[in-house]
Amino acid sequence: MLRPWFSLSDPIWQDFDRLNREMEKIFNENYFTTPGTAGTRVPIPAVNIGETPDKVLVYLFAPGLDAKDIELTIEKNMLTISAGRDTSKEIGEDSKVKGYYRKERFSGKFRRVIALPEGLDTSQIEAKYSNGILNVSIKKKEEEKAKKIEVAVS
């Protein structure tokens, strides 16, 4: 009788099983942090984008920033928002805390690149930061109105 060339008790299968468990652990720990969620990695602030008849509005939700540290650039209909937060400063009774069970307020820099629709007048852009919300307003270009052309009689 022929003996099978492999067995499920071979060490190589144990290695595969261990690798599988590690990968499950990574994905179950929310390794890829979604916008607005807290995790061990720096979360990307959530953003809402909408429009009115005359402008496009971008709202970035990022409390705790200093307005002077927010950098906005726009190039080829791509709005880039960069900023950072330093949470090493003590808040309230932080100086008395000896260790945290959980600390979700992130410290570090982030960068958000947002694709904008065509037809915007990027020279008409305003940005305000209030109550943890960055409000960016970009006016739309005025559409060319149809012109009536007089036909001359000869």
C-alpha atoms as a PDB file:
ATOM      1  CA  MET A   1       0.000   0.000   0.000  1.00  0.00           C
ATOM      2  CA  LEU A   2       1.238   3.490  -0.849  1.00  0.00           C
ATOM      3  CA  ARG A   3       1.694   6.043   1.889  1.00  0.00           C
ATOM      4  CA  PRO A   4       0.262   9.559   1.127  1.00  0.00           C
ATOM      5  CA  TRP A   5       3.008  12.095   0.440  1.00  0.00           C
ATOM      6  CA  PHE A   6       1.561  14.590   2.897  1.00  0.00           C
ATOM      7  CA  SER A   7      -0.378  14.596   6.132  1.00  0.00           C
ATOM      8  CA  LEU A   8      -2.503  17.322   7.727  1.00  0.00           C
ATOM      9  CA  SER A   9      -0.399  16.903  10.861  1.00  0.00           C
ATOM     10  CA  ASP A  10       2.762  17.965   9.031  1.00  0.00           C
ATOM     11  CA  PRO A  11       4.363  21.149  10.474  1.00  0.00           C
ATOM     12  CA  ILE A  12       3.801  23.050   7.225  1.00  0.00           C
ATOM     13  CA  TRP A  13       0.004  22.875   7.700  1.00  0.00           C
ATOM     14  CA  GLN A  14       0.394  24.179  11.239  1.00  0.00           C
ATOM     15  CA  ASP A  15       2.249  27.158   9.797  1.00  0.00           C
ATOM     16  CA  PHE A  16      -0.591  27.811   7.343  1.00  0.00           C
ATOM     17  CA  ASP A  17      -3.115  27.556  10.167  1.00  0.00           C
ATOM     18  CA  ARG A  18      -1.128  30.044  12.268  1.00  0.00           C
ATOM     19  CA  LEU A  19      -0.879  32.433   9.263  1.00  0.00           C
ATOM     20  CA  ASN A  20      -4.638  32.161   8.719  1.00  0.00           C
ATOM     21  CA  ARG A  21      -5.353  33.022  12.378  1.00  0.00           C
ATOM     22  CA  GLU A  22      -3.009  36.044  12.228  1.00  0.00           C
ATOM     23  CA  MET A  23      -4.688  37.342   9.065  1.00  0.00           C
ATOM     24  CA  GLU A  24      -8.135  36.955  10.624  1.00  0.00           C
ATOM     25  CA  LYS A  25      -6.924  38.882  13.661  1.00  0.00           C
ATOM     26  CA  ILE A  26      -5.655  41.738  11.454  1.00  0.00           C
ATOM     27  CA  PHE A  27      -8.921  42.066   9.545  1.00  0.00           C
ATOM     28  CA  ASN A  28     -11.097  41.709  12.641  1.00  0.00           C
ATOM     29  CA  GLU A  29      -9.185  44.529  14.377  1.00  0.00           C
ATOM     30  CA  ASN A  30     -10.340  47.025  11.737  1.00  0.00           C
ATOM     31  CA  TYR A  31      -6.853  47.269  10.256  1.00  0.00           C
ATOM     32  CA  PHE A  32      -8.089  49.438   7.416  1.00  0.00           C
ATOM     33  CA  THR A  33      -9.603  52.352   9.331  1.00  0.00           C
ATOM     34  CA  THR A  34     -12.597  53.890   7.615  1.00  0.00           C
ATOM     35  CA  PRO A  35     -13.233  57.660   7.631  1.00  0.00           C
ATOM     36  CA  GLY A  36     -14.331  58.950  10.985  1.00  0.00           C
ATOM     37  CA  THR A  37     -13.549  55.806  12.984  1.00  0.00           C
ATOM     38  CA  ALA A  38     -11.140  55.633  15.837  1.00  0.00           C
ATOM     39  CA  GLY A  39      -8.409  53.060  15.811  1.00  0.00           C
ATOM     40  CA  THR A  40      -4.752  52.636  16.453  1.00  0.00           C
ATOM     41  CA  ARG A  41      -3.962  54.259  13.121  1.00  0.00           C
ATOM     42  CA  VAL A  42      -4.573  57.905  12.222  1.00  0.00           C
ATOM     43  CA  PRO A  43      -8.170  58.153  11.020  1.00  0.00           C
ATOM     44  CA  ILE A  44      -9.057  60.258   8.018  1.00  0.00           C
ATOM     45  CA  PRO A  45     -11.645  62.897   8.928  1.00  0.00           C
ATOM     46  CA  ALA A  46     -15.094  62.371   7.443  1.00  0.00           C
ATOM     47  CA  VAL A  47     -16.242  64.684   4.676  1.00  0.00           C
ATOM     48  CA  ASN A  48     -19.588  65.658   3.149  1.00  0.00           C
ATOM     49  CA  ILE A  49     -19.710  67.128  -0.359  1.00  0.00           C
ATOM     50  CA  GLY A  50     -22.807  68.749  -1.820  1.00  0.00           C
ATOM     51  CA  GLU A  51     -23.941  71.484  -4.125  1.00  0.00           C
ATOM     52  CA  THR A  52     -26.384  74.333  -4.427  1.00  0.00           C
ATOM     53  CA  PRO A  53     -27.395  75.940  -7.724  1.00  0.00           C
ATOM     54  CA  ASP A  54     -24.428  78.343  -7.545  1.00  0.00           C
ATOM     55  CA  LYS A  55     -21.660  76.549  -5.589  1.00  0.00           C
ATOM     56  CA  VAL A  56     -20.139  73.287  -4.360  1.00  0.00           C
ATOM     57  CA  LEU A  57     -19.776  72.831  -0.602  1.00  0.00           C
ATOM     58  CA  VAL A  58     -17.232  70.629   1.166  1.00  0.00           C
ATOM     59  CA  TYR A  59     -17.539  69.971   4.901  1.00  0.00           C
ATOM     60  CA  LEU A  60     -14.618  68.290   6.672  1.00  0.00           C
ATOM     61  CA  PHE A  61     -15.319  67.154  10.232  1.00  0.00           C
ATOM     62  CA  ALA A  62     -12.093  67.489  12.250  1.00  0.00           C
ATOM     63  CA  PRO A  63     -12.469  68.937  15.746  1.00  0.00           C
ATOM     64  CA  GLY A  64      -9.452  70.062  17.706  1.00  0.00           C
ATOM     65  CA  LEU A  65      -7.459  71.555  14.843  1.00  0.00           C
ATOM     66  CA  ASP A  66      -5.908  74.986  14.879  1.00  0.00           C
ATOM     67  CA  ALA A  67      -7.189  76.940  11.856  1.00  0.00           C
ATOM     68  CA  LYS A  68      -3.698  78.272  11.127  1.00  0.00           C
ATOM     69  CA  ASP A  69      -2.445  74.677  10.686  1.00  0.00           C
ATOM     70  CA  ILE A  70      -4.972  73.811   7.961  1.00  0.00           C
ATOM     71  CA  GLU A  71      -3.597  73.960   4.431  1.00  0.00           C
ATOM     72  CA  LEU A  72      -5.851  73.988   1.368  1.00  0.00           C
ATOM     73  CA  THR A  73      -4.680  73.693  -2.218  1.00  0.00           C
ATOM     74  CA  ILE A  74      -6.626  73.256  -5.411  1.00  0.00           C
ATOM     75  CA  GLU A  75      -5.177  72.055  -8.688  1.00  0.00           C
ATOM     76  CA  LYS A  76      -6.870  70.481 -11.713  1.00  0.00           C
ATOM     77  CA  ASN A  77     -10.203  70.066  -9.890  1.00  0.00           C
ATOM     78  CA  MET A  78      -8.509  68.292  -6.971  1.00  0.00           C
ATOM     79  CA  LEU A  79      -8.937  69.881  -3.543  1.00  0.00           C
ATOM     80  CA  THR A  80      -6.232  68.869  -1.059  1.00  0.00           C
ATOM     81  CA  ILE A  81      -6.787  69.438   2.651  1.00  0.00           C
ATOM     82  CA  SER A  82      -3.805  68.878   4.949  1.00  0.00           C
ATOM     83  CA  ALA A  83      -3.636  69.462   8.680  1.00  0.00           C
ATOM     84  CA  GLY A  84      -2.411  67.970  11.902  1.00  0.00           C
ATOM     85  CA  ARG A  85      -3.212  67.727  15.557  1.00  0.00           C
ATOM     86  CA  ASP A  86      -0.884  67.465  18.543  1.00  0.00           C
ATOM     87  CA  THR A  87      -2.617  65.695  21.411  1.00  0.00           C
ATOM     88  CA  SER A  88       0.443  65.674  23.622  1.00  0.00           C
ATOM     89  CA  LYS A  89      -0.931  68.832  25.256  1.00  0.00           C
ATOM     90  CA  GLU A  90      -2.780  68.017  28.435  1.00  0.00           C
ATOM     91  CA  ILE A  91      -6.537  68.463  28.596  1.00  0.00           C
ATOM     92  CA  GLY A  92      -8.370  68.864  31.873  1.00  0.00           C
ATOM     93  CA  GLU A  93      -7.000  66.353  34.359  1.00  0.00           C
ATOM     94  CA  ASP A  94      -4.695  64.567  31.869  1.00  0.00           C
ATOM     95  CA  SER A  95      -1.666  65.329  34.042  1.00  0.00           C
ATOM     96  CA  LYS A  96      -3.163  63.103  36.782  1.00  0.00           C
ATOM     97  CA  VAL A  97      -3.791  60.119  34.498  1.00  0.00           C
ATOM     98  CA  LYS A  98      -1.187  57.381  34.935  1.00  0.00           C
ATOM     99  CA  GLY A  99      -2.314  55.236  32.007  1.00  0.00           C
ATOM    100  CA  TYR A 100      -5.171  54.992  29.568  1.00  0.00           C
ATOM    101  CA  TYR A 101      -7.437  52.026  28.949  1.00  0.00           C
ATOM    102  CA  ARG A 102      -8.386  53.555  25.627  1.00  0.00           C
ATOM    103  CA  LYS A 103      -7.228  56.690  23.840  1.00  0.00           C
ATOM    104  CA  GLU A 104      -9.028  57.455  20.571  1.00  0.00           C
ATOM    105  CA  ARG A 105      -8.097  61.075  19.997  1.00  0.00           C
ATOM    106  CA  PHE A 106      -5.447  60.850  17.338  1.00  0.00           C
ATOM    107  CA  SER A 107      -2.274  62.833  17.096  1.00  0.00           C
ATOM    108  CA  GLY A 108      -0.538  63.392  13.805  1.00  0.00           C
ATOM    109  CA  LYS A 109      -1.044  64.692  10.304  1.00  0.00           C
ATOM    110  CA  PHE A 110      -3.609  63.788   7.699  1.00  0.00           C
ATOM    111  CA  ARG A 111      -4.169  64.634   4.060  1.00  0.00           C
ATOM    112  CA  ARG A 112      -7.438  64.389   2.157  1.00  0.00           C
ATOM    113  CA  VAL A 113      -7.575  64.726  -1.645  1.00  0.00           C
ATOM    114  CA  ILE A 114     -11.071  65.328  -3.010  1.00  0.00           C
ATOM    115  CA  ALA A 115     -12.045  65.206  -6.689  1.00  0.00           C
ATOM    116  CA  LEU A 116     -14.312  68.112  -7.587  1.00  0.00           C
ATOM    117  CA  PRO A 117     -16.771  68.354 -10.459  1.00  0.00           C
ATOM    118  CA  GLU A 118     -16.009  70.303 -13.630  1.00  0.00           C
ATOM    119  CA  GLY A 119     -17.218  73.877 -14.090  1.00  0.00           C
ATOM    120  CA  LEU A 120     -15.994  75.481 -10.871  1.00  0.00           C
ATOM    121  CA  ASP A 121     -14.453  78.932 -10.586  1.00  0.00           C
ATOM    122  CA  THR A 122     -11.442  78.160  -8.392  1.00  0.00           C
ATOM    123  CA  SER A 123     -10.705  81.855  -8.024  1.00  0.00           C
ATOM    124  CA  GLN A 124     -13.975  82.081  -6.046  1.00  0.00           C
ATOM    125  CA  ILE A 125     -13.205  79.836  -3.071  1.00  0.00           C
ATOM    126  CA  GLU A 126     -13.836  80.500   0.624  1.00  0.00           C
ATOM    127  CA  ALA A 127     -12.872  78.427   3.648  1.00  0.00           C
ATOM    128  CA  LYS A 128     -14.030  78.787   7.262  1.00  0.00           C
ATOM    129  CA  TYR A 129     -13.246  76.631  10.288  1.00  0.00           C
ATOM    130  CA  SER A 130     -15.725  76.767  13.149  1.00  0.00           C
ATOM    131  CA  ASN A 131     -16.775  74.307  15.868  1.00  0.00           C
ATOM    132  CA  GLY A 132     -14.561  71.570  14.440  1.00  0.00           C
ATOM    133  CA  ILE A 133     -15.973  71.782  10.916  1.00  0.00           C
ATOM    134  CA  LEU A 134     -14.044  73.087   7.931  1.00  0.00           C
ATOM    135  CA  ASN A 135     -16.513  74.578   5.435  1.00  0.00           C
ATOM    136  CA  VAL A 136     -15.133  75.086   1.914  1.00  0.00           C
ATOM    137  CA  SER A 137     -17.339  76.871  -0.610  1.00  0.00           C
ATOM    138  CA  ILE A 138     -16.410  76.980  -4.309  1.00  0.00           C
ATOM    139  CA  LYS A 139     -18.520  78.989  -6.744  1.00  0.00           C
ATOM    140  CA  LYS A 140     -19.602  77.511 -10.036  1.00  0.00           C
ATOM    141  CA  LYS A 141     -18.700  79.261 -13.268  1.00  0.00           C
ATOM    142  CA  GLU A 142     -21.517  81.160 -14.830  1.00  0.00           C
ATOM    143  CA  GLU A 143     -22.745  79.277 -17.835  1.00  0.00           C
ATOM    144  CA  GLU A 144     -22.592  81.101 -21.086  1.00  0.00           C
ATOM    145  CA  LYS A 145     -26.063  82.243 -21.953  1.00  0.00           C
ATOM    146  CA  ALA A 146     -27.377  81.748 -25.427  1.00  0.00           C
ATOM    147  CA  LYS A 147     -26.999  84.904 -27.499  1.00  0.00           C
ATOM    148  CA  LYS A 148     -29.546  85.960 -29.998  1.00  0.00           C
ATOM    149  CA  ILE A 149     -27.858  86.938 -33.245  1.00  0.00           C
ATOM    150  CA  GLU A 150     -29.565  89.433 -35.471  1.00  0.00           C
ATOM    151  CA  VAL A 151     -29.626  88.514 -39.123  1.00  0.00           C
ATOM    152  CA  ALA A 152     -28.967  91.499 -41.332  1.00  0.00           C
ATOM    153  CA  VAL A 153     -31.088  91.932 -44.437  1.00  0.00           C
ATOM    154  CA  SER A 154     -29.169  92.846 -47.550  1.00  0.00           C
END
